[in-house]
């Protein structure tokens, strides 16, 4: 979709019609790390039990 070596259009000109940031071409997703999934699961369980605390007190 984006051609970095295009002689006619700069990268910025290629991104403008797509309405996305130029920095997104450099983003490499890292994926989910297994220990983080366990923490996220614990936070979700606690929040479902005590949602009346709200996000502010949960953090």
PDB file of N, CA and C in Angstrom:
ATOM      1  N   UNK A   1       0.817  -1.176   0.000  1.00  0.00           N
ATOM      2  CA  UNK A   1       0.000   0.000   0.000  1.00  0.00           C
ATOM      3  C   UNK A   1       0.874   1.258   0.000  1.00  0.00           C
ATOM      4  N   UNK A   2       1.803   1.371   0.939  1.00  0.00           N
ATOM      5  CA  UNK A   2       2.746   2.492   0.983  1.00  0.00           C
ATOM      6  C   UNK A   2       4.043   2.038   0.335  1.00  0.00           C
ATOM      7  N   UNK A   3       4.523   2.843  -0.577  1.00  0.00           N
ATOM      8  CA  UNK A   3       5.768   2.524  -1.272  1.00  0.00           C
ATOM      9  C   UNK A   3       6.838   3.523  -0.856  1.00  0.00           C
ATOM     10  N   UNK A   4       7.740   3.146   0.058  1.00  0.00           N
ATOM     11  CA  UNK A   4       8.768   4.080   0.528  1.00  0.00           C
ATOM     12  C   UNK A   4       9.698   4.566  -0.580  1.00  0.00           C
ATOM     13  N   UNK A   5       9.905   3.759  -1.606  1.00  0.00           N
ATOM     14  CA  UNK A   5      10.836   4.129  -2.676  1.00  0.00           C
ATOM     15  C   UNK A   5      10.149   4.759  -3.883  1.00  0.00           C
ATOM     16  N   UNK A   6       8.922   5.201  -3.738  1.00  0.00           N
ATOM     17  CA  UNK A   6       8.189   5.812  -4.843  1.00  0.00           C
ATOM     18  C   UNK A   6       8.820   7.156  -5.201  1.00  0.00           C
ATOM     19  N   UNK A   7       9.305   7.336  -6.437  1.00  0.00           N
ATOM     20  CA  UNK A   7       9.966   8.587  -6.809  1.00  0.00           C
ATOM     21  C   UNK A   7       8.984   9.745  -7.029  1.00  0.00           C
ATOM     22  N   UNK A   8       7.711   9.435  -7.268  1.00  0.00           N
ATOM     23  CA  UNK A   8       6.742  10.482  -7.581  1.00  0.00           C
ATOM     24  C   UNK A   8       6.036  11.053  -6.352  1.00  0.00           C
ATOM     25  N   UNK A   9       5.832  10.231  -5.335  1.00  0.00           N
ATOM     26  CA  UNK A   9       5.112  10.670  -4.143  1.00  0.00           C
ATOM     27  C   UNK A   9       5.951  10.430  -2.886  1.00  0.00           C
ATOM     28  N   UNK A  10       6.037  11.455  -2.056  1.00  0.00           N
ATOM     29  CA  UNK A  10       6.727  11.262  -0.781  1.00  0.00           C
ATOM     30  C   UNK A  10       5.854  10.398   0.122  1.00  0.00           C
ATOM     31  N   UNK A  11       6.449   9.920   1.201  1.00  0.00           N
ATOM     32  CA  UNK A  11       5.687   9.098   2.136  1.00  0.00           C
ATOM     33  C   UNK A  11       4.533   9.915   2.719  1.00  0.00           C
ATOM     34  N   UNK A  12       4.793  11.179   3.040  1.00  0.00           N
ATOM     35  CA  UNK A  12       3.741  12.038   3.580  1.00  0.00           C
ATOM     36  C   UNK A  12       2.572  12.191   2.620  1.00  0.00           C
ATOM     37  N   UNK A  13       2.861  12.334   1.331  1.00  0.00           N
ATOM     38  CA  UNK A  13       1.797  12.457   0.337  1.00  0.00           C
ATOM     39  C   UNK A  13       1.022  11.154   0.177  1.00  0.00           C
ATOM     40  N   UNK A  14       1.667  10.030   0.412  1.00  0.00           N
ATOM     41  CA  UNK A  14       0.977   8.746   0.318  1.00  0.00           C
ATOM     42  C   UNK A  14       0.069   8.511   1.525  1.00  0.00           C
ATOM     43  N   UNK A  15       0.468   9.019   2.698  1.00  0.00           N
ATOM     44  CA  UNK A  15      -0.318   8.814   3.907  1.00  0.00           C
ATOM     45  C   UNK A  15      -1.515   9.751   4.000  1.00  0.00           C
ATOM     46  N   UNK A  16      -1.406  10.942   3.429  1.00  0.00           N
ATOM     47  CA  UNK A  16      -2.464  11.941   3.579  1.00  0.00           C
ATOM     48  C   UNK A  16      -3.839  11.442   3.115  1.00  0.00           C
ATOM     49  N   UNK A  17      -3.992  10.832   1.937  1.00  0.00           N
ATOM     50  CA  UNK A  17      -5.332  10.362   1.544  1.00  0.00           C
ATOM     51  C   UNK A  17      -5.854   9.222   2.421  1.00  0.00           C
ATOM     52  N   UNK A  18      -4.952   8.524   3.102  1.00  0.00           N
ATOM     53  CA  UNK A  18      -5.363   7.410   3.954  1.00  0.00           C
ATOM     54  C   UNK A  18      -5.793   7.875   5.340  1.00  0.00           C
ATOM     55  N   UNK A  19      -5.515   9.135   5.666  1.00  0.00           N
ATOM     56  CA  UNK A  19      -5.842   9.723   6.969  1.00  0.00           C
ATOM     57  C   UNK A  19      -5.221   8.954   8.131  1.00  0.00           C
ATOM     58  N   UNK A  20      -3.959   8.551   7.972  1.00  0.00           N
ATOM     59  CA  UNK A  20      -3.236   7.915   9.070  1.00  0.00           C
ATOM     60  C   UNK A  20      -1.901   8.636   9.259  1.00  0.00           C
ATOM     61  N   UNK A  21      -1.333   8.511  10.435  1.00  0.00           N
ATOM     62  CA  UNK A  21      -0.087   9.201  10.763  1.00  0.00           C
ATOM     63  C   UNK A  21       1.100   8.525  10.084  1.00  0.00           C
ATOM     64  N   UNK A  22       2.056   9.346   9.687  1.00  0.00           N
ATOM     65  CA  UNK A  22       3.261   8.789   9.057  1.00  0.00           C
ATOM     66  C   UNK A  22       4.043   7.916  10.015  1.00  0.00           C
ATOM     67  N   UNK A  23       3.975   8.218  11.302  1.00  0.00           N
ATOM     68  CA  UNK A  23       4.733   7.443  12.286  1.00  0.00           C
ATOM     69  C   UNK A  23       4.256   5.997  12.366  1.00  0.00           C
ATOM     70  N   UNK A  24       3.059   5.711  11.876  1.00  0.00           N
ATOM     71  CA  UNK A  24       2.544   4.344  11.964  1.00  0.00           C
ATOM     72  C   UNK A  24       3.327   3.375  11.084  1.00  0.00           C
ATOM     73  N   UNK A  25       4.077   3.880  10.122  1.00  0.00           N
ATOM     74  CA  UNK A  25       4.876   2.987   9.274  1.00  0.00           C
ATOM     75  C   UNK A  25       6.042   2.390  10.071  1.00  0.00           C
ATOM     76  N   UNK A  26       6.457   3.077  11.132  1.00  0.00           N
ATOM     77  CA  UNK A  26       7.587   2.615  11.930  1.00  0.00           C
ATOM     78  C   UNK A  26       7.164   1.753  13.108  1.00  0.00           C
ATOM     79  N   UNK A  27       5.870   1.663  13.392  1.00  0.00           N
ATOM     80  CA  UNK A  27       5.371   0.926  14.549  1.00  0.00           C
ATOM     81  C   UNK A  27       5.459  -0.573  14.316  1.00  0.00           C
ATOM     82  N   UNK A  28       6.062  -1.270  15.263  1.00  0.00           N
ATOM     83  CA  UNK A  28       6.149  -2.727  15.204  1.00  0.00           C
ATOM     84  C   UNK A  28       5.479  -3.264  16.468  1.00  0.00           C
ATOM     85  N   UNK A  29       4.319  -3.917  16.345  1.00  0.00           N
ATOM     86  CA  UNK A  29       3.651  -4.425  17.542  1.00  0.00           C
ATOM     87  C   UNK A  29       4.489  -5.480  18.255  1.00  0.00           C
ATOM     88  N   UNK A  30       4.485  -5.433  19.576  1.00  0.00           N
ATOM     89  CA  UNK A  30       5.295  -6.362  20.359  1.00  0.00           C
ATOM     90  C   UNK A  30       4.530  -7.608  20.765  1.00  0.00           C
ATOM     91  N   UNK A  31       3.227  -7.567  20.689  1.00  0.00           N
ATOM     92  CA  UNK A  31       2.441  -8.716  21.091  1.00  0.00           C
ATOM     93  C   UNK A  31       2.180  -8.701  22.583  1.00  0.00           C
ATOM     94  N   UNK A  32       1.494  -9.701  23.052  1.00  0.00           N
ATOM     95  CA  UNK A  32       1.137  -9.772  24.468  1.00  0.00           C
ATOM     96  C   UNK A  32       2.086 -10.725  25.183  1.00  0.00           C
ATOM     97  N   UNK A  33       2.561 -10.284  26.320  1.00  0.00           N
ATOM     98  CA  UNK A  33       3.478 -11.080  27.123  1.00  0.00           C
ATOM     99  C   UNK A  33       2.645 -11.853  28.143  1.00  0.00           C
ATOM    100  N   UNK A  34       2.925 -13.121  28.306  1.00  0.00           N
ATOM    101  CA  UNK A  34       2.125 -14.003  29.158  1.00  0.00           C
ATOM    102  C   UNK A  34       1.935 -13.490  30.583  1.00  0.00           C
ATOM    103  N   UNK A  35       2.968 -13.001  31.289  1.00  0.00           N
ATOM    104  CA  UNK A  35       2.723 -12.492  32.651  1.00  0.00           C
ATOM    105  C   UNK A  35       1.735 -11.317  32.657  1.00  0.00           C
ATOM    106  N   UNK A  36       1.786 -10.469  31.645  1.00  0.00           N
ATOM    107  CA  UNK A  36       0.860  -9.338  31.576  1.00  0.00           C
ATOM    108  C   UNK A  36      -0.580  -9.816  31.433  1.00  0.00           C
ATOM    109  N   UNK A  37      -0.793 -10.893  30.718  1.00  0.00           N
ATOM    110  CA  UNK A  37      -2.141 -11.422  30.548  1.00  0.00           C
ATOM    111  C   UNK A  37      -2.709 -11.870  31.893  1.00  0.00           C
ATOM    112  N   UNK A  38      -1.875 -12.445  32.741  1.00  0.00           N
ATOM    113  CA  UNK A  38      -2.312 -12.853  34.070  1.00  0.00           C
ATOM    114  C   UNK A  38      -2.709 -11.651  34.924  1.00  0.00           C
ATOM    115  N   UNK A  39      -1.891 -10.584  34.864  1.00  0.00           N
ATOM    116  CA  UNK A  39      -2.209  -9.367  35.609  1.00  0.00           C
ATOM    117  C   UNK A  39      -3.501  -8.739  35.102  1.00  0.00           C
ATOM    118  N   UNK A  40      -3.656  -8.685  33.792  1.00  0.00           N
ATOM    119  CA  UNK A  40      -4.867  -8.098  33.218  1.00  0.00           C
ATOM    120  C   UNK A  40      -6.097  -8.901  33.620  1.00  0.00           C
ATOM    121  N   UNK A  41      -5.966 -10.211  33.674  1.00  0.00           N
ATOM    122  CA  UNK A  41      -7.085 -11.069  34.081  1.00  0.00           C
ATOM    123  C   UNK A  41      -7.457 -10.790  35.540  1.00  0.00           C
ATOM    124  N   UNK A  42      -6.449 -10.643  36.411  1.00  0.00           N
ATOM    125  CA  UNK A  42      -6.714 -10.353  37.825  1.00  0.00           C
ATOM    126  C   UNK A  42      -7.401  -9.000  37.988  1.00  0.00           C
ATOM    127  N   UNK A  43      -6.943  -8.010  37.255  1.00  0.00           N
ATOM    128  CA  UNK A  43      -7.551  -6.682  37.332  1.00  0.00           C
ATOM    129  C   UNK A  43      -8.996  -6.734  36.859  1.00  0.00           C
ATOM    130  N   UNK A  44      -9.249  -7.449  35.777  1.00  0.00           N
ATOM    131  CA  UNK A  44     -10.624  -7.580  35.275  1.00  0.00           C
ATOM    132  C   UNK A  44     -11.525  -8.254  36.295  1.00  0.00           C
ATOM    133  N   UNK A  45     -11.046  -9.321  36.917  1.00  0.00           N
ATOM    134  CA  UNK A  45     -11.851 -10.032  37.916  1.00  0.00           C
ATOM    135  C   UNK A  45     -12.174  -9.126  39.098  1.00  0.00           C
ATOM    136  N   UNK A  46     -11.160  -8.399  39.575  1.00  0.00           N
ATOM    137  CA  UNK A  46     -11.378  -7.508  40.721  1.00  0.00           C
ATOM    138  C   UNK A  46     -12.339  -6.388  40.355  1.00  0.00           C
ATOM    139  N   UNK A  47     -12.182  -5.835  39.175  1.00  0.00           N
ATOM    140  CA  UNK A  47     -13.057  -4.740  38.766  1.00  0.00           C
ATOM    141  C   UNK A  47     -14.504  -5.206  38.645  1.00  0.00           C
ATOM    142  N   UNK A  48     -14.704  -6.427  38.155  1.00  0.00           N
ATOM    143  CA  UNK A  48     -16.068  -6.947  38.045  1.00  0.00           C
ATOM    144  C   UNK A  48     -16.696  -7.164  39.420  1.00  0.00           C
ATOM    145  N   UNK A  49     -15.872  -7.514  40.407  1.00  0.00           N
ATOM    146  CA  UNK A  49     -16.384  -7.718  41.772  1.00  0.00           C
ATOM    147  C   UNK A  49     -16.669  -6.389  42.477  1.00  0.00           C
ATOM    148  N   UNK A  50     -15.809  -5.401  42.241  1.00  0.00           N
ATOM    149  CA  UNK A  50     -15.902  -4.132  42.977  1.00  0.00           C
ATOM    150  C   UNK A  50     -15.914  -2.947  42.018  1.00  0.00           C
ATOM    151  N   UNK A  51     -16.777  -2.982  41.041  1.00  0.00           N
ATOM    152  CA  UNK A  51     -16.808  -1.905  40.038  1.00  0.00           C
ATOM    153  C   UNK A  51     -17.236  -0.567  40.641  1.00  0.00           C
ATOM    154  N   UNK A  52     -17.850  -0.598  41.827  1.00  0.00           N
ATOM    155  CA  UNK A  52     -18.278   0.642  42.464  1.00  0.00           C
ATOM    156  C   UNK A  52     -17.101   1.505  42.900  1.00  0.00           C
ATOM    157  N   UNK A  53     -15.908   0.917  42.991  1.00  0.00           N
ATOM    158  CA  UNK A  53     -14.713   1.720  43.312  1.00  0.00           C
ATOM    159  C   UNK A  53     -14.365   2.675  42.190  1.00  0.00           C
ATOM    160  N   UNK A  54     -14.620   2.285  40.964  1.00  0.00           N
ATOM    161  CA  UNK A  54     -14.266   3.112  39.816  1.00  0.00           C
ATOM    162  C   UNK A  54     -12.818   2.922  39.423  1.00  0.00           C
ATOM    163  N   UNK A  55     -12.479   3.461  38.286  1.00  0.00           N
ATOM    164  CA  UNK A  55     -11.141   3.286  37.733  1.00  0.00           C
ATOM    165  C   UNK A  55     -10.089   3.996  38.584  1.00  0.00           C
ATOM    166  N   UNK A  56     -10.434   5.184  39.105  1.00  0.00           N
ATOM    167  CA  UNK A  56      -9.467   5.942  39.905  1.00  0.00           C
ATOM    168  C   UNK A  56      -8.938   5.173  41.100  1.00  0.00           C
ATOM    169  N   UNK A  57      -9.813   4.508  41.845  1.00  0.00           N
ATOM    170  CA  UNK A  57      -9.368   3.770  43.013  1.00  0.00           C
ATOM    171  C   UNK A  57      -8.753   2.421  42.621  1.00  0.00           C
ATOM    172  N   UNK A  58      -9.150   1.891  41.491  1.00  0.00           N
ATOM    173  CA  UNK A  58      -8.554   0.629  41.050  1.00  0.00           C
ATOM    174  C   UNK A  58      -7.082   0.814  40.679  1.00  0.00           C
ATOM    175  N   UNK A  59      -6.743   1.970  40.135  1.00  0.00           N
ATOM    176  CA  UNK A  59      -5.342   2.186  39.755  1.00  0.00           C
ATOM    177  C   UNK A  59      -4.530   2.516  40.977  1.00  0.00           C
TER     178      UNK A  59
END
